[in-house]
Amino acid sequence: MSGTTPVAEQVRSVDGTPIAFERSGAGPAVVLVGGAFSDRNATRDLGAALAPDFTTFSYDRRGRGYSGDTAPYEIGREIDDLAALIAAAGGSAAVYGISSGAVLSALATAQGLPVTKLVMFEPPFQVGPHVGVRKDITPQLIELIAADDRDGAVETFLSASVGLPAEQITGMRSQPMWGGLTAVAHTLVYDAIVTAGGRLPVERLAAITAPTLAVDSTGSPQWLRDASRAAAEAVPGGRSVSLDGGYHDVPPTTLAPALREFLLG
């Protein structure tokens, strides 16, 4: 996105951890929650596309970008972070989450945070014939990070969770982007804990009362598309929609109009 980068603001989570965020636009509040490897830069373009109708909040999840990190990691701490963002947004907000961020957003909404509407983009659950295809790599990631093997942690996540072939990962290691991936490698443990090995938390999702939309991309693998639809079905009154896009991604020019229709409808 061209133009000036928005100035980062900061809130404090319940445990004192500083959480960096930026806001743009005007209108009802929407908090954007990124997935693995993401900081607030990953949701900035979507925020800009929504800005004519909404006040958007993009933030660095704990351990990333300019946000702090307080040990030990707990999902509850990340839910507290999101609660602090919603408070900064005025006390209630719609929430959009992608991938592990979608799972986090759903768990927070189920817990009772003041979420007006929830959008999940391809939460990485494993359902139907895909159950067990991707193993829970949380213990392995914990060991790799404890040994300060950040390269190994990134490789393991890209291979086992994302499903990239070895030759593609090898090619990525020679690119400048690799340094950015290894810089947040420790947070991959957090993503693995949040997604709980891909288990669909049916009872938790059934507790969601906010209007909910699950989005999948036509260019994504079937297991992600199935996961998105299953998540919508688990939420009372949940809806799902497929949008034209690439692998685990829909361009903001396509995604924003669909979100606008749901959030303002």
C-alpha atoms as a PDB file:
ATOM      1  CA  MET A   1       0.000   0.000   0.000  1.00  0.00           C
ATOM      2  CA  SER A   2       1.346   3.397  -0.878  1.00  0.00           C
ATOM      3  CA  GLY A   3       1.297   6.405   1.400  1.00  0.00           C
ATOM      4  CA  THR A   4       2.394   7.139   4.935  1.00  0.00           C
ATOM      5  CA  THR A   5       2.524   4.296   7.435  1.00  0.00           C
ATOM      6  CA  PRO A   6       0.029   4.943  10.261  1.00  0.00           C
ATOM      7  CA  VAL A   7       1.504   5.858  13.624  1.00  0.00           C
ATOM      8  CA  ALA A   8       1.502   3.036  16.162  1.00  0.00           C
ATOM      9  CA  GLU A   9      -0.406   3.472  19.411  1.00  0.00           C
ATOM     10  CA  GLN A  10      -0.236   1.247  22.470  1.00  0.00           C
ATOM     11  CA  VAL A  11      -2.493  -0.342  25.043  1.00  0.00           C
ATOM     12  CA  ARG A  12      -1.605  -2.410  28.094  1.00  0.00           C
ATOM     13  CA  SER A  13      -3.024  -5.880  28.509  1.00  0.00           C
ATOM     14  CA  VAL A  14      -4.141  -7.192  31.892  1.00  0.00           C
ATOM     15  CA  ASP A  15      -0.699  -8.670  32.619  1.00  0.00           C
ATOM     16  CA  GLY A  16       1.004  -5.366  31.756  1.00  0.00           C
ATOM     17  CA  THR A  17       2.197  -6.410  28.305  1.00  0.00           C
ATOM     18  CA  PRO A  18       2.262  -3.482  25.853  1.00  0.00           C
ATOM     19  CA  ILE A  19       0.303  -4.182  22.678  1.00  0.00           C
ATOM     20  CA  ALA A  20       1.060  -1.995  19.651  1.00  0.00           C
ATOM     21  CA  PHE A  21      -1.679  -1.126  17.188  1.00  0.00           C
ATOM     22  CA  GLU A  22      -2.651   1.367  14.530  1.00  0.00           C
ATOM     23  CA  ARG A  23      -6.054   2.660  13.595  1.00  0.00           C
ATOM     24  CA  SER A  24      -7.420   4.116  10.409  1.00  0.00           C
ATOM     25  CA  GLY A  25     -10.712   5.233   8.947  1.00  0.00           C
ATOM     26  CA  ALA A  26     -13.954   6.348  10.552  1.00  0.00           C
ATOM     27  CA  GLY A  27     -17.085   4.456  11.501  1.00  0.00           C
ATOM     28  CA  PRO A  28     -17.919   1.323  13.500  1.00  0.00           C
ATOM     29  CA  ALA A  29     -14.870  -0.371  14.994  1.00  0.00           C
ATOM     30  CA  VAL A  30     -13.345  -3.506  13.457  1.00  0.00           C
ATOM     31  CA  VAL A  31     -10.338  -5.228  15.047  1.00  0.00           C
ATOM     32  CA  LEU A  32      -8.196  -7.228  12.607  1.00  0.00           C
ATOM     33  CA  VAL A  33      -6.393 -10.266  14.048  1.00  0.00           C
ATOM     34  CA  GLY A  34      -3.480 -11.727  12.085  1.00  0.00           C
ATOM     35  CA  GLY A  35      -2.323 -15.324  11.826  1.00  0.00           C
ATOM     36  CA  ALA A  36       1.066 -17.062  11.984  1.00  0.00           C
ATOM     37  CA  PHE A  37       4.142 -15.003  11.039  1.00  0.00           C
ATOM     38  CA  SER A  38       1.955 -11.871  10.931  1.00  0.00           C
ATOM     39  CA  ASP A  39       2.280  -8.493  12.559  1.00  0.00           C
ATOM     40  CA  ARG A  40       0.020  -5.513  11.951  1.00  0.00           C
ATOM     41  CA  ASN A  41       1.536  -4.973   8.496  1.00  0.00           C
ATOM     42  CA  ALA A  42      -0.281  -8.094   7.283  1.00  0.00           C
ATOM     43  CA  THR A  43      -3.733  -6.600   7.839  1.00  0.00           C
ATOM     44  CA  ARG A  44      -2.918  -3.003   6.899  1.00  0.00           C
ATOM     45  CA  ASP A  45      -4.132  -3.223   3.293  1.00  0.00           C
ATOM     46  CA  LEU A  46      -7.441  -4.752   4.384  1.00  0.00           C
ATOM     47  CA  GLY A  47      -7.758  -2.038   7.001  1.00  0.00           C
ATOM     48  CA  ALA A  48      -7.231   0.616   4.336  1.00  0.00           C
ATOM     49  CA  ALA A  49      -9.868  -0.992   2.103  1.00  0.00           C
ATOM     50  CA  LEU A  50     -12.367  -0.927   4.965  1.00  0.00           C
ATOM     51  CA  ALA A  51     -11.418   2.558   6.210  1.00  0.00           C
ATOM     52  CA  PRO A  52     -14.065   4.490   4.237  1.00  0.00           C
ATOM     53  CA  ASP A  53     -16.792   2.786   6.312  1.00  0.00           C
ATOM     54  CA  PHE A  54     -15.071   1.591   9.499  1.00  0.00           C
ATOM     55  CA  THR A  55     -12.459   2.489  12.072  1.00  0.00           C
ATOM     56  CA  THR A  56     -10.045  -0.413  11.735  1.00  0.00           C
ATOM     57  CA  PHE A  57      -7.549  -1.582  14.340  1.00  0.00           C
ATOM     58  CA  SER A  58      -4.550  -3.634  13.184  1.00  0.00           C
ATOM     59  CA  TYR A  59      -2.232  -4.831  15.932  1.00  0.00           C
ATOM     60  CA  ASP A  60       0.914  -6.770  16.691  1.00  0.00           C
ATOM     61  CA  ARG A  61      -0.067  -9.907  18.562  1.00  0.00           C
ATOM     62  CA  ARG A  62       2.144 -10.438  21.598  1.00  0.00           C
ATOM     63  CA  GLY A  63       5.727 -11.372  20.814  1.00  0.00           C
ATOM     64  CA  ARG A  64       5.589  -9.695  17.396  1.00  0.00           C
ATOM     65  CA  GLY A  65       6.480  -6.300  16.003  1.00  0.00           C
ATOM     66  CA  TYR A  66       6.378  -3.594  18.667  1.00  0.00           C
ATOM     67  CA  SER A  67       4.276  -5.539  21.169  1.00  0.00           C
ATOM     68  CA  GLY A  68       5.743  -7.054  24.297  1.00  0.00           C
ATOM     69  CA  ASP A  69       5.698 -10.652  25.454  1.00  0.00           C
ATOM     70  CA  THR A  70       5.168 -11.962  28.976  1.00  0.00           C
ATOM     71  CA  ALA A  71       5.945 -15.554  29.921  1.00  0.00           C
ATOM     72  CA  PRO A  72       4.496 -18.066  30.275  1.00  0.00           C
ATOM     73  CA  TYR A  73       2.308 -18.009  27.194  1.00  0.00           C
ATOM     74  CA  GLU A  74      -1.393 -18.689  27.717  1.00  0.00           C
ATOM     75  CA  ILE A  75      -4.304 -18.366  25.320  1.00  0.00           C
ATOM     76  CA  GLY A  76      -6.054 -16.359  28.023  1.00  0.00           C
ATOM     77  CA  ARG A  77      -3.364 -13.689  27.808  1.00  0.00           C
ATOM     78  CA  GLU A  78      -3.990 -13.291  24.075  1.00  0.00           C
ATOM     79  CA  ILE A  79      -7.717 -13.040  24.725  1.00  0.00           C
ATOM     80  CA  ASP A  80      -6.923 -10.313  27.266  1.00  0.00           C
ATOM     81  CA  ASP A  81      -4.890  -8.533  24.560  1.00  0.00           C
ATOM     82  CA  LEU A  82      -7.867  -8.571  22.226  1.00  0.00           C
ATOM     83  CA  ALA A  83     -10.091  -7.317  25.050  1.00  0.00           C
ATOM     84  CA  ALA A  84      -7.719  -4.384  25.545  1.00  0.00           C
ATOM     85  CA  LEU A  85      -7.931  -3.556  21.838  1.00  0.00           C
ATOM     86  CA  ILE A  86     -11.723  -3.670  21.939  1.00  0.00           C
ATOM     87  CA  ALA A  87     -11.689  -1.361  24.951  1.00  0.00           C
ATOM     88  CA  ALA A  88      -9.460   1.059  23.037  1.00  0.00           C
ATOM     89  CA  ALA A  89     -11.938   0.853  20.163  1.00  0.00           C
ATOM     90  CA  GLY A  90     -14.709   2.149  22.390  1.00  0.00           C
ATOM     91  CA  GLY A  91     -15.882  -0.877  24.357  1.00  0.00           C
ATOM     92  CA  SER A  92     -17.272  -3.070  21.594  1.00  0.00           C
ATOM     93  CA  ALA A  93     -16.148  -3.972  18.077  1.00  0.00           C
ATOM     94  CA  ALA A  94     -16.526  -6.371  15.214  1.00  0.00           C
ATOM     95  CA  VAL A  95     -13.591  -8.776  14.955  1.00  0.00           C
ATOM     96  CA  TYR A  96     -12.016 -10.278  11.835  1.00  0.00           C
ATOM     97  CA  GLY A  97      -9.413 -13.002  12.246  1.00  0.00           C
ATOM     98  CA  ILE A  98      -7.401 -14.975   9.718  1.00  0.00           C
ATOM     99  CA  SER A  99      -6.070 -18.503  10.225  1.00  0.00           C
ATOM    100  CA  SER A 100      -4.868 -18.945  13.838  1.00  0.00           C
ATOM    101  CA  GLY A 101      -6.131 -15.407  14.395  1.00  0.00           C
ATOM    102  CA  ALA A 102      -9.577 -16.626  13.378  1.00  0.00           C
ATOM    103  CA  VAL A 103      -9.423 -19.352  16.011  1.00  0.00           C
ATOM    104  CA  LEU A 104      -8.263 -16.847  18.632  1.00  0.00           C
ATOM    105  CA  SER A 105     -11.063 -14.468  17.653  1.00  0.00           C
ATOM    106  CA  ALA A 106     -13.651 -17.236  17.922  1.00  0.00           C
ATOM    107  CA  LEU A 107     -12.413 -18.361  21.347  1.00  0.00           C
ATOM    108  CA  ALA A 108     -12.470 -14.771  22.589  1.00  0.00           C
ATOM    109  CA  THR A 109     -15.998 -14.250  21.283  1.00  0.00           C
ATOM    110  CA  ALA A 110     -17.155 -17.512  22.862  1.00  0.00           C
ATOM    111  CA  GLN A 111     -15.673 -16.357  26.170  1.00  0.00           C
ATOM    112  CA  GLY A 112     -17.950 -13.336  26.114  1.00  0.00           C
ATOM    113  CA  LEU A 113     -15.858 -10.436  24.862  1.00  0.00           C
ATOM    114  CA  PRO A 114     -18.047  -7.577  23.532  1.00  0.00           C
ATOM    115  CA  VAL A 115     -17.793  -8.636  19.899  1.00  0.00           C
ATOM    116  CA  THR A 116     -20.614  -7.230  17.787  1.00  0.00           C
ATOM    117  CA  LYS A 117     -19.926  -9.458  14.775  1.00  0.00           C
ATOM    118  CA  LEU A 118     -17.300 -12.129  14.081  1.00  0.00           C
ATOM    119  CA  VAL A 119     -15.611 -13.016  10.798  1.00  0.00           C
ATOM    120  CA  MET A 120     -13.340 -16.060  10.561  1.00  0.00           C
ATOM    121  CA  PHE A 121     -11.116 -16.474   7.531  1.00  0.00           C
ATOM    122  CA  GLU A 122     -10.113 -20.121   7.096  1.00  0.00           C
ATOM    123  CA  PRO A 123      -9.503 -21.211  10.688  1.00  0.00           C
ATOM    124  CA  PRO A 124      -7.150 -24.216  10.286  1.00  0.00           C
ATOM    125  CA  PHE A 125      -9.336 -26.903  11.808  1.00  0.00           C
ATOM    126  CA  GLN A 126      -9.215 -30.480  10.566  1.00  0.00           C
ATOM    127  CA  VAL A 127     -12.634 -31.937   9.877  1.00  0.00           C
ATOM    128  CA  GLY A 128     -14.139 -34.927   8.084  1.00  0.00           C
ATOM    129  CA  PRO A 129     -11.612 -36.873   6.005  1.00  0.00           C
ATOM    130  CA  HIS A 130      -8.874 -34.395   6.929  1.00  0.00           C
ATOM    131  CA  VAL A 131      -8.794 -35.265  10.646  1.00  0.00           C
ATOM    132  CA  GLY A 132      -5.304 -36.361  11.673  1.00  0.00           C
ATOM    133  CA  VAL A 133      -3.675 -35.471   8.359  1.00  0.00           C
ATOM    134  CA  ARG A 134      -1.675 -32.695  10.033  1.00  0.00           C
ATOM    135  CA  LYS A 135      -0.102 -33.685  13.341  1.00  0.00           C
ATOM    136  CA  ASP A 136       0.080 -31.504  16.440  1.00  0.00           C
ATOM    137  CA  ILE A 137       3.597 -30.054  16.295  1.00  0.00           C
ATOM    138  CA  THR A 138       3.381 -28.017  19.513  1.00  0.00           C
ATOM    139  CA  PRO A 139       5.849 -30.206  21.487  1.00  0.00           C
ATOM    140  CA  GLN A 140       8.305 -30.213  18.587  1.00  0.00           C
ATOM    141  CA  LEU A 141       8.121 -26.435  18.210  1.00  0.00           C
ATOM    142  CA  ILE A 142       8.662 -25.954  21.941  1.00  0.00           C
ATOM    143  CA  GLU A 143      11.801 -28.092  21.788  1.00  0.00           C
ATOM    144  CA  LEU A 144      13.160 -26.272  18.741  1.00  0.00           C
ATOM    145  CA  ILE A 145      12.627 -22.828  20.256  1.00  0.00           C
ATOM    146  CA  ALA A 146      14.127 -23.956  23.571  1.00  0.00           C
ATOM    147  CA  ALA A 147      17.211 -24.993  21.583  1.00  0.00           C
ATOM    148  CA  ASP A 148      17.148 -21.618  19.758  1.00  0.00           C
ATOM    149  CA  ASP A 149      16.709 -23.445  16.458  1.00  0.00           C
ATOM    150  CA  ARG A 150      14.560 -20.809  14.800  1.00  0.00           C
ATOM    151  CA  ASP A 151      15.293 -22.079  11.299  1.00  0.00           C
ATOM    152  CA  GLY A 152      14.105 -25.520  12.343  1.00  0.00           C
ATOM    153  CA  ALA A 153      10.947 -24.148  13.904  1.00  0.00           C
ATOM    154  CA  VAL A 154      10.040 -22.211  10.750  1.00  0.00           C
ATOM    155  CA  GLU A 155      10.787 -25.214   8.525  1.00  0.00           C
ATOM    156  CA  THR A 156       8.703 -27.499  10.733  1.00  0.00           C
ATOM    157  CA  PHE A 157       5.730 -25.135  10.723  1.00  0.00           C
ATOM    158  CA  LEU A 158       5.856 -24.500   6.985  1.00  0.00           C
ATOM    159  CA  SER A 159       6.120 -28.197   6.256  1.00  0.00           C
ATOM    160  CA  ALA A 160       3.761 -29.759   8.796  1.00  0.00           C
ATOM    161  CA  SER A 161       1.170 -27.003   9.244  1.00  0.00           C
ATOM    162  CA  VAL A 162       1.224 -25.086   5.969  1.00  0.00           C
ATOM    163  CA  GLY A 163       2.027 -28.111   3.818  1.00  0.00           C
ATOM    164  CA  LEU A 164       4.792 -26.583   1.704  1.00  0.00           C
ATOM    165  CA  PRO A 165       7.120 -29.044  -0.087  1.00  0.00           C
ATOM    166  CA  ALA A 166      10.737 -29.287   1.047  1.00  0.00           C
ATOM    167  CA  GLU A 167      12.129 -27.795  -2.149  1.00  0.00           C
ATOM    168  CA  GLN A 168       9.971 -24.693  -1.792  1.00  0.00           C
ATOM    169  CA  ILE A 169      11.085 -24.209   1.796  1.00  0.00           C
ATOM    170  CA  THR A 170      14.712 -24.587   0.718  1.00  0.00           C
ATOM    171  CA  GLY A 171      14.183 -21.872  -1.870  1.00  0.00           C
ATOM    172  CA  MET A 172      12.618 -19.591   0.719  1.00  0.00           C
ATOM    173  CA  ARG A 173      15.668 -19.900   2.988  1.00  0.00           C
ATOM    174  CA  SER A 174      17.769 -18.054   0.436  1.00  0.00           C
ATOM    175  CA  GLN A 175      15.340 -15.133   0.241  1.00  0.00           C
ATOM    176  CA  PRO A 176      15.452 -11.943   2.369  1.00  0.00           C
ATOM    177  CA  MET A 177      12.004 -12.766   3.732  1.00  0.00           C
ATOM    178  CA  TRP A 178      13.433 -15.705   5.698  1.00  0.00           C
ATOM    179  CA  GLY A 179      14.886 -13.393   8.323  1.00  0.00           C
ATOM    180  CA  GLY A 180      11.455 -11.970   8.980  1.00  0.00           C
ATOM    181  CA  LEU A 181      10.038 -15.455   9.476  1.00  0.00           C
ATOM    182  CA  THR A 182      12.741 -16.562  11.907  1.00  0.00           C
ATOM    183  CA  ALA A 183      12.392 -13.304  13.870  1.00  0.00           C
ATOM    184  CA  VAL A 184       8.918 -14.380  15.011  1.00  0.00           C
ATOM    185  CA  ALA A 185       9.607 -18.127  15.113  1.00  0.00           C
ATOM    186  CA  HIS A 186       8.971 -18.263  18.867  1.00  0.00           C
ATOM    187  CA  THR A 187       5.369 -17.151  18.278  1.00  0.00           C
ATOM    188  CA  LEU A 188       4.694 -20.230  16.157  1.00  0.00           C
ATOM    189  CA  VAL A 189       4.385 -22.087  19.455  1.00  0.00           C
ATOM    190  CA  TYR A 190       1.581 -19.676  20.354  1.00  0.00           C
ATOM    191  CA  ASP A 191      -0.214 -20.338  17.068  1.00  0.00           C
ATOM    192  CA  ALA A 192       0.115 -24.088  17.582  1.00  0.00           C
ATOM    193  CA  ILE A 193      -1.336 -23.820  21.097  1.00  0.00           C
ATOM    194  CA  VAL A 194      -4.232 -21.657  19.884  1.00  0.00           C
ATOM    195  CA  THR A 195      -5.155 -24.069  17.101  1.00  0.00           C
ATOM    196  CA  ALA A 196      -4.886 -27.109  19.414  1.00  0.00           C
ATOM    197  CA  GLY A 197      -3.625 -29.452  16.733  1.00  0.00           C
ATOM    198  CA  GLY A 198      -6.539 -28.639  14.436  1.00  0.00           C
ATOM    199  CA  ARG A 199      -9.310 -29.888  16.722  1.00  0.00           C
ATOM    200  CA  LEU A 200     -12.687 -28.254  16.009  1.00  0.00           C
ATOM    201  CA  PRO A 201     -13.905 -26.867  19.386  1.00  0.00           C
ATOM    202  CA  VAL A 202     -17.572 -27.545  18.754  1.00  0.00           C
ATOM    203  CA  GLU A 203     -18.775 -26.730  22.274  1.00  0.00           C
ATOM    204  CA  ARG A 204     -16.850 -23.450  22.396  1.00  0.00           C
ATOM    205  CA  LEU A 205     -18.130 -22.361  18.987  1.00  0.00           C
ATOM    206  CA  ALA A 206     -21.679 -23.267  20.010  1.00  0.00           C
ATOM    207  CA  ALA A 207     -21.412 -20.680  22.792  1.00  0.00           C
ATOM    208  CA  ILE A 208     -20.957 -17.804  20.327  1.00  0.00           C
ATOM    209  CA  THR A 209     -23.970 -15.503  20.168  1.00  0.00           C
ATOM    210  CA  ALA A 210     -22.545 -12.792  17.893  1.00  0.00           C
ATOM    211  CA  PRO A 211     -23.543 -12.945  14.203  1.00  0.00           C
ATOM    212  CA  THR A 212     -20.765 -14.935  12.535  1.00  0.00           C
ATOM    213  CA  LEU A 213     -19.449 -15.285   9.008  1.00  0.00           C
ATOM    214  CA  ALA A 214     -16.778 -17.764   7.881  1.00  0.00           C
ATOM    215  CA  VAL A 215     -14.900 -16.991   4.667  1.00  0.00           C
ATOM    216  CA  ASP A 216     -12.870 -19.312   2.472  1.00  0.00           C
ATOM    217  CA  SER A 217     -10.897 -18.758  -0.726  1.00  0.00           C
ATOM    218  CA  THR A 218     -11.564 -20.631  -3.952  1.00  0.00           C
ATOM    219  CA  GLY A 219      -7.789 -21.008  -4.313  1.00  0.00           C
ATOM    220  CA  SER A 220      -7.245 -22.708  -0.961  1.00  0.00           C
ATOM    221  CA  PRO A 221      -6.845 -26.462  -0.416  1.00  0.00           C
ATOM    222  CA  GLN A 222     -10.040 -28.356   0.316  1.00  0.00           C
ATOM    223  CA  TRP A 223      -9.191 -29.008   3.952  1.00  0.00           C
ATOM    224  CA  LEU A 224      -9.128 -25.286   4.720  1.00  0.00           C
ATOM    225  CA  ARG A 225     -12.341 -24.664   2.820  1.00  0.00           C
ATOM    226  CA  ASP A 226     -14.041 -27.532   4.637  1.00  0.00           C
ATOM    227  CA  ALA A 227     -12.736 -26.200   7.957  1.00  0.00           C
ATOM    228  CA  SER A 228     -14.222 -22.792   7.326  1.00  0.00           C
ATOM    229  CA  ARG A 229     -17.640 -24.190   6.544  1.00  0.00           C
ATOM    230  CA  ALA A 230     -17.562 -26.547   9.524  1.00  0.00           C
ATOM    231  CA  ALA A 231     -16.700 -23.652  11.819  1.00  0.00           C
ATOM    232  CA  ALA A 232     -19.687 -21.683  10.514  1.00  0.00           C
ATOM    233  CA  GLU A 233     -21.969 -24.676  11.023  1.00  0.00           C
ATOM    234  CA  ALA A 234     -20.809 -25.033  14.630  1.00  0.00           C
ATOM    235  CA  VAL A 235     -21.869 -21.460  15.467  1.00  0.00           C
ATOM    236  CA  PRO A 236     -25.616 -20.947  15.970  1.00  0.00           C
ATOM    237  CA  GLY A 237     -26.851 -19.039  12.918  1.00  0.00           C
ATOM    238  CA  GLY A 238     -23.355 -18.976  11.430  1.00  0.00           C
ATOM    239  CA  ARG A 239     -22.976 -18.296   7.721  1.00  0.00           C
ATOM    240  CA  SER A 240     -20.218 -19.125   5.244  1.00  0.00           C
ATOM    241  CA  VAL A 241     -19.143 -17.682   1.916  1.00  0.00           C
ATOM    242  CA  SER A 242     -16.505 -18.578  -0.697  1.00  0.00           C
ATOM    243  CA  LEU A 243     -14.644 -15.744  -2.418  1.00  0.00           C
ATOM    244  CA  ASP A 244     -12.324 -15.729  -5.420  1.00  0.00           C
ATOM    245  CA  GLY A 245      -8.737 -15.783  -4.222  1.00  0.00           C
ATOM    246  CA  GLY A 246      -5.443 -17.605  -3.944  1.00  0.00           C
ATOM    247  CA  TYR A 247      -3.899 -19.988  -1.426  1.00  0.00           C
ATOM    248  CA  HIS A 248      -5.183 -18.966   2.029  1.00  0.00           C
ATOM    249  CA  ASP A 249      -5.720 -15.444   0.737  1.00  0.00           C
ATOM    250  CA  VAL A 250      -8.386 -13.213  -0.810  1.00  0.00           C
ATOM    251  CA  PRO A 251      -7.342  -9.781  -2.128  1.00  0.00           C
ATOM    252  CA  PRO A 252      -8.643  -6.836  -0.080  1.00  0.00           C
ATOM    253  CA  THR A 253     -10.442  -5.543  -3.186  1.00  0.00           C
ATOM    254  CA  THR A 254     -12.576  -8.697  -3.110  1.00  0.00           C
ATOM    255  CA  LEU A 255     -12.687  -9.322   0.627  1.00  0.00           C
ATOM    256  CA  ALA A 256     -13.551  -5.812   1.815  1.00  0.00           C
ATOM    257  CA  PRO A 257     -16.889  -5.552  -0.047  1.00  0.00           C
ATOM    258  CA  ALA A 258     -18.013  -8.904   1.377  1.00  0.00           C
ATOM    259  CA  LEU A 259     -17.022  -7.852   4.891  1.00  0.00           C
ATOM    260  CA  ARG A 260     -18.713  -4.494   4.433  1.00  0.00           C
ATOM    261  CA  GLU A 261     -21.974  -6.166   3.420  1.00  0.00           C
ATOM    262  CA  PHE A 262     -21.916  -8.514   6.408  1.00  0.00           C
ATOM    263  CA  LEU A 263     -20.758  -5.998   9.016  1.00  0.00           C
ATOM    264  CA  LEU A 264     -23.185  -3.269   7.973  1.00  0.00           C
ATOM    265  CA  GLY A 265     -26.076  -5.589   7.176  1.00  0.00           C
END
